[in-house]
Amino acid sequence: MEKDVKFEKAMARLEEIVQSLEKGELSLDDSLKIFEEGIRLSQVCMAKLDEAEKRVEILVKEKGKTVLKPFLPEAGGNENKDSED
């Protein structure tokens, strides 16, 4: 099931797991059970992030070659503002 879960839902569940573990109110068995779930969800999230990164790399091209560019949210997503400097 975890592989089909959306990234945002997996992250929200991971936050719930962390909060539950930090409270320290669960039994050892229950703690281990949700810890294992958290590990699986974190692996799913990492795979989804890797996939997204590869897709972005394909979309970002410069002179016919794929180049890695840092994502700068302050730039408003438009990296072609060089002429406005």
N, C-alpha and C. Protein backbone atom coordinates (compact mmCIF):
# COMPACT_ATOMS: atom_id res chain seq x y z
N MET A 1 0.81 -1.20 0.00
CA MET A 1 0.00 0.00 0.00
C MET A 1 0.85 1.26 0.00
N GLU A 2 1.96 1.29 0.73
CA GLU A 2 2.74 2.50 0.89
C GLU A 2 3.26 3.06 -0.44
N LYS A 3 3.56 2.19 -1.41
CA LYS A 3 4.10 2.67 -2.67
C LYS A 3 3.08 3.49 -3.45
N ASP A 4 1.80 3.25 -3.20
CA ASP A 4 0.74 3.97 -3.92
C ASP A 4 0.32 5.25 -3.21
N VAL A 5 0.80 5.47 -2.02
CA VAL A 5 0.39 6.63 -1.23
C VAL A 5 1.03 7.90 -1.80
N LYS A 6 0.31 9.00 -1.75
CA LYS A 6 0.85 10.28 -2.23
C LYS A 6 1.89 10.79 -1.24
N PHE A 7 2.85 11.54 -1.77
CA PHE A 7 3.95 12.05 -0.98
C PHE A 7 3.45 12.84 0.23
N GLU A 8 2.50 13.73 0.01
CA GLU A 8 2.01 14.59 1.08
C GLU A 8 1.34 13.78 2.19
N LYS A 9 0.59 12.75 1.79
CA LYS A 9 -0.07 11.90 2.78
C LYS A 9 0.97 11.11 3.57
N ALA A 10 2.00 10.62 2.89
CA ALA A 10 3.07 9.88 3.57
C ALA A 10 3.80 10.78 4.56
N MET A 11 4.07 12.01 4.17
CA MET A 11 4.76 12.94 5.07
C MET A 11 3.89 13.27 6.29
N ALA A 12 2.61 13.44 6.07
CA ALA A 12 1.70 13.72 7.19
C ALA A 12 1.68 12.54 8.16
N ARG A 13 1.65 11.33 7.64
CA ARG A 13 1.67 10.15 8.50
C ARG A 13 3.00 10.04 9.24
N LEU A 14 4.10 10.37 8.56
CA LEU A 14 5.40 10.35 9.22
C LEU A 14 5.43 11.33 10.39
N GLU A 15 4.84 12.50 10.22
CA GLU A 15 4.77 13.47 11.31
C GLU A 15 3.97 12.92 12.49
N GLU A 16 2.88 12.22 12.19
CA GLU A 16 2.08 11.60 13.25
C GLU A 16 2.90 10.55 14.00
N ILE A 17 3.65 9.76 13.25
CA ILE A 17 4.47 8.71 13.85
C ILE A 17 5.52 9.32 14.77
N VAL A 18 6.19 10.37 14.29
CA VAL A 18 7.21 11.03 15.11
C VAL A 18 6.60 11.56 16.40
N GLN A 19 5.44 12.21 16.29
CA GLN A 19 4.79 12.74 17.48
C GLN A 19 4.42 11.63 18.47
N SER A 20 3.92 10.52 17.95
CA SER A 20 3.57 9.40 18.82
C SER A 20 4.79 8.83 19.51
N LEU A 21 5.87 8.69 18.77
CA LEU A 21 7.09 8.14 19.36
C LEU A 21 7.69 9.10 20.38
N GLU A 22 7.63 10.41 20.09
CA GLU A 22 8.19 11.39 21.02
C GLU A 22 7.42 11.45 22.33
N LYS A 23 6.13 11.18 22.30
CA LYS A 23 5.33 11.18 23.53
C LYS A 23 5.78 10.08 24.47
N GLY A 24 6.27 8.97 23.93
CA GLY A 24 6.75 7.88 24.75
C GLY A 24 5.67 7.13 25.50
N GLU A 25 4.45 7.21 25.03
CA GLU A 25 3.33 6.57 25.72
C GLU A 25 2.99 5.20 25.16
N LEU A 26 3.62 4.79 24.07
CA LEU A 26 3.32 3.52 23.44
C LEU A 26 4.13 2.40 24.06
N SER A 27 3.61 1.19 23.96
CA SER A 27 4.38 0.03 24.41
C SER A 27 5.55 -0.17 23.45
N LEU A 28 6.48 -0.98 23.87
CA LEU A 28 7.64 -1.25 23.02
C LEU A 28 7.21 -1.87 21.70
N ASP A 29 6.30 -2.83 21.75
CA ASP A 29 5.82 -3.48 20.53
C ASP A 29 5.13 -2.49 19.59
N ASP A 30 4.28 -1.64 20.14
CA ASP A 30 3.60 -0.64 19.32
C ASP A 30 4.59 0.38 18.76
N SER A 31 5.56 0.76 19.56
CA SER A 31 6.59 1.69 19.10
C SER A 31 7.37 1.11 17.93
N LEU A 32 7.75 -0.15 18.06
CA LEU A 32 8.48 -0.81 16.97
C LEU A 32 7.64 -0.92 15.72
N LYS A 33 6.36 -1.22 15.91
CA LYS A 33 5.45 -1.37 14.78
C LYS A 33 5.34 -0.07 13.99
N ILE A 34 5.11 1.05 14.67
CA ILE A 34 4.97 2.30 13.92
C ILE A 34 6.32 2.83 13.45
N PHE A 35 7.39 2.48 14.14
CA PHE A 35 8.73 2.85 13.67
C PHE A 35 9.01 2.17 12.33
N GLU A 36 8.66 0.89 12.23
CA GLU A 36 8.83 0.17 10.97
C GLU A 36 7.98 0.78 9.87
N GLU A 37 6.76 1.17 10.20
CA GLU A 37 5.90 1.84 9.23
C GLU A 37 6.56 3.15 8.77
N GLY A 38 7.12 3.88 9.72
CA GLY A 38 7.79 5.13 9.39
C GLY A 38 8.99 4.93 8.47
N ILE A 39 9.75 3.87 8.71
CA ILE A 39 10.89 3.57 7.83
C ILE A 39 10.40 3.28 6.42
N ARG A 40 9.36 2.48 6.29
CA ARG A 40 8.81 2.17 4.96
C ARG A 40 8.32 3.45 4.27
N LEU A 41 7.61 4.29 5.02
CA LEU A 41 7.10 5.53 4.44
C LEU A 41 8.23 6.47 4.06
N SER A 42 9.28 6.53 4.86
CA SER A 42 10.41 7.40 4.51
C SER A 42 11.10 6.91 3.25
N GLN A 43 11.17 5.60 3.07
CA GLN A 43 11.76 5.05 1.84
C GLN A 43 10.90 5.39 0.62
N VAL A 44 9.59 5.32 0.79
CA VAL A 44 8.67 5.69 -0.29
C VAL A 44 8.84 7.17 -0.63
N CYS A 45 8.93 8.01 0.39
CA CYS A 45 9.11 9.45 0.16
C CYS A 45 10.42 9.73 -0.56
N MET A 46 11.48 9.08 -0.14
CA MET A 46 12.77 9.29 -0.79
C MET A 46 12.72 8.86 -2.25
N ALA A 47 12.05 7.75 -2.54
CA ALA A 47 11.92 7.29 -3.92
C ALA A 47 11.13 8.29 -4.75
N LYS A 48 10.06 8.83 -4.17
CA LYS A 48 9.26 9.82 -4.90
C LYS A 48 10.05 11.10 -5.13
N LEU A 49 10.85 11.52 -4.15
CA LEU A 49 11.69 12.70 -4.33
C LEU A 49 12.76 12.47 -5.39
N ASP A 50 13.36 11.29 -5.39
CA ASP A 50 14.36 10.96 -6.42
C ASP A 50 13.74 11.00 -7.80
N GLU A 51 12.54 10.44 -7.92
CA GLU A 51 11.84 10.43 -9.20
C GLU A 51 11.53 11.85 -9.66
N ALA A 52 11.06 12.67 -8.73
CA ALA A 52 10.75 14.07 -9.07
C ALA A 52 12.01 14.81 -9.50
N GLU A 53 13.12 14.57 -8.80
CA GLU A 53 14.37 15.23 -9.15
C GLU A 53 14.81 14.85 -10.57
N LYS A 54 14.68 13.57 -10.91
CA LYS A 54 15.04 13.13 -12.26
C LYS A 54 14.16 13.77 -13.31
N ARG A 55 12.86 13.90 -13.01
CA ARG A 55 11.95 14.54 -13.96
C ARG A 55 12.32 16.01 -14.16
N VAL A 56 12.68 16.69 -13.08
CA VAL A 56 13.06 18.10 -13.17
C VAL A 56 14.34 18.23 -13.98
N GLU A 57 15.30 17.33 -13.76
CA GLU A 57 16.55 17.37 -14.51
C GLU A 57 16.30 17.25 -16.00
N ILE A 58 15.34 16.42 -16.38
CA ILE A 58 15.02 16.25 -17.79
C ILE A 58 14.42 17.52 -18.36
N LEU A 59 13.61 18.21 -17.56
CA LEU A 59 12.94 19.41 -18.03
C LEU A 59 13.87 20.63 -18.10
N VAL A 60 14.90 20.64 -17.27
CA VAL A 60 15.81 21.78 -17.24
C VAL A 60 16.94 21.51 -18.21
N LYS A 61 16.88 22.13 -19.35
CA LYS A 61 17.90 21.92 -20.38
C LYS A 61 18.56 23.24 -20.74
N GLU A 62 19.82 23.15 -21.04
CA GLU A 62 20.56 24.34 -21.45
C GLU A 62 21.49 23.94 -22.58
N LYS A 63 21.31 24.55 -23.76
CA LYS A 63 22.11 24.25 -24.94
C LYS A 63 22.11 22.77 -25.27
N GLY A 64 20.93 22.15 -25.16
CA GLY A 64 20.79 20.75 -25.52
C GLY A 64 21.30 19.76 -24.50
N LYS A 65 21.82 20.25 -23.37
CA LYS A 65 22.33 19.35 -22.34
C LYS A 65 21.53 19.55 -21.06
N THR A 66 21.31 18.47 -20.36
CA THR A 66 20.64 18.57 -19.07
C THR A 66 21.63 19.09 -18.04
N VAL A 67 21.24 20.14 -17.36
CA VAL A 67 22.10 20.71 -16.33
C VAL A 67 21.32 20.79 -15.03
N LEU A 68 22.03 20.65 -13.95
CA LEU A 68 21.39 20.78 -12.64
C LEU A 68 21.44 22.23 -12.22
N LYS A 69 20.28 22.75 -11.85
CA LYS A 69 20.19 24.12 -11.35
C LYS A 69 19.50 24.08 -10.01
N PRO A 70 19.95 24.86 -9.06
CA PRO A 70 19.28 24.87 -7.76
C PRO A 70 17.90 25.51 -7.87
N PHE A 71 16.97 24.99 -7.11
CA PHE A 71 15.64 25.58 -7.06
C PHE A 71 15.69 26.75 -6.10
N LEU A 72 15.35 27.93 -6.61
CA LEU A 72 15.38 29.14 -5.81
C LEU A 72 13.98 29.72 -5.72
N PRO A 73 13.22 29.39 -4.69
CA PRO A 73 11.85 29.88 -4.60
C PRO A 73 11.75 31.39 -4.53
N GLU A 74 12.80 32.07 -4.05
CA GLU A 74 12.77 33.53 -3.97
C GLU A 74 12.72 34.16 -5.36
N ALA A 75 13.19 33.44 -6.37
CA ALA A 75 13.21 33.96 -7.73
C ALA A 75 11.83 33.90 -8.37
N GLY A 76 10.86 33.37 -7.68
CA GLY A 76 9.51 33.30 -8.21
C GLY A 76 9.35 32.26 -9.28
N GLY A 77 10.31 31.33 -9.39
CA GLY A 77 10.21 30.26 -10.37
C GLY A 77 10.60 30.67 -11.77
N ASN A 78 10.97 31.93 -12.00
CA ASN A 78 11.34 32.38 -13.33
C ASN A 78 12.82 32.73 -13.32
N GLU A 79 13.61 31.83 -13.89
CA GLU A 79 15.06 32.04 -13.90
C GLU A 79 15.52 32.88 -15.08
N ASN A 80 14.63 33.34 -15.93
CA ASN A 80 14.99 34.12 -17.10
C ASN A 80 14.84 35.60 -16.84
N LYS A 81 15.18 36.08 -15.68
CA LYS A 81 15.06 37.49 -15.33
C LYS A 81 16.39 38.19 -15.41
N ASP A 82 17.38 37.59 -16.09
CA ASP A 82 18.70 38.19 -16.16
C ASP A 82 18.68 39.58 -16.81
N SER A 83 17.78 39.80 -17.75
CA SER A 83 17.76 41.09 -18.45
C SER A 83 17.22 42.22 -17.57
N GLU A 84 16.61 41.89 -16.44
CA GLU A 84 16.03 42.91 -15.57
C GLU A 84 17.00 43.42 -14.53
N ASP A 85 18.22 42.90 -14.47
CA ASP A 85 19.19 43.32 -13.45
C ASP A 85 19.61 44.73 -13.59
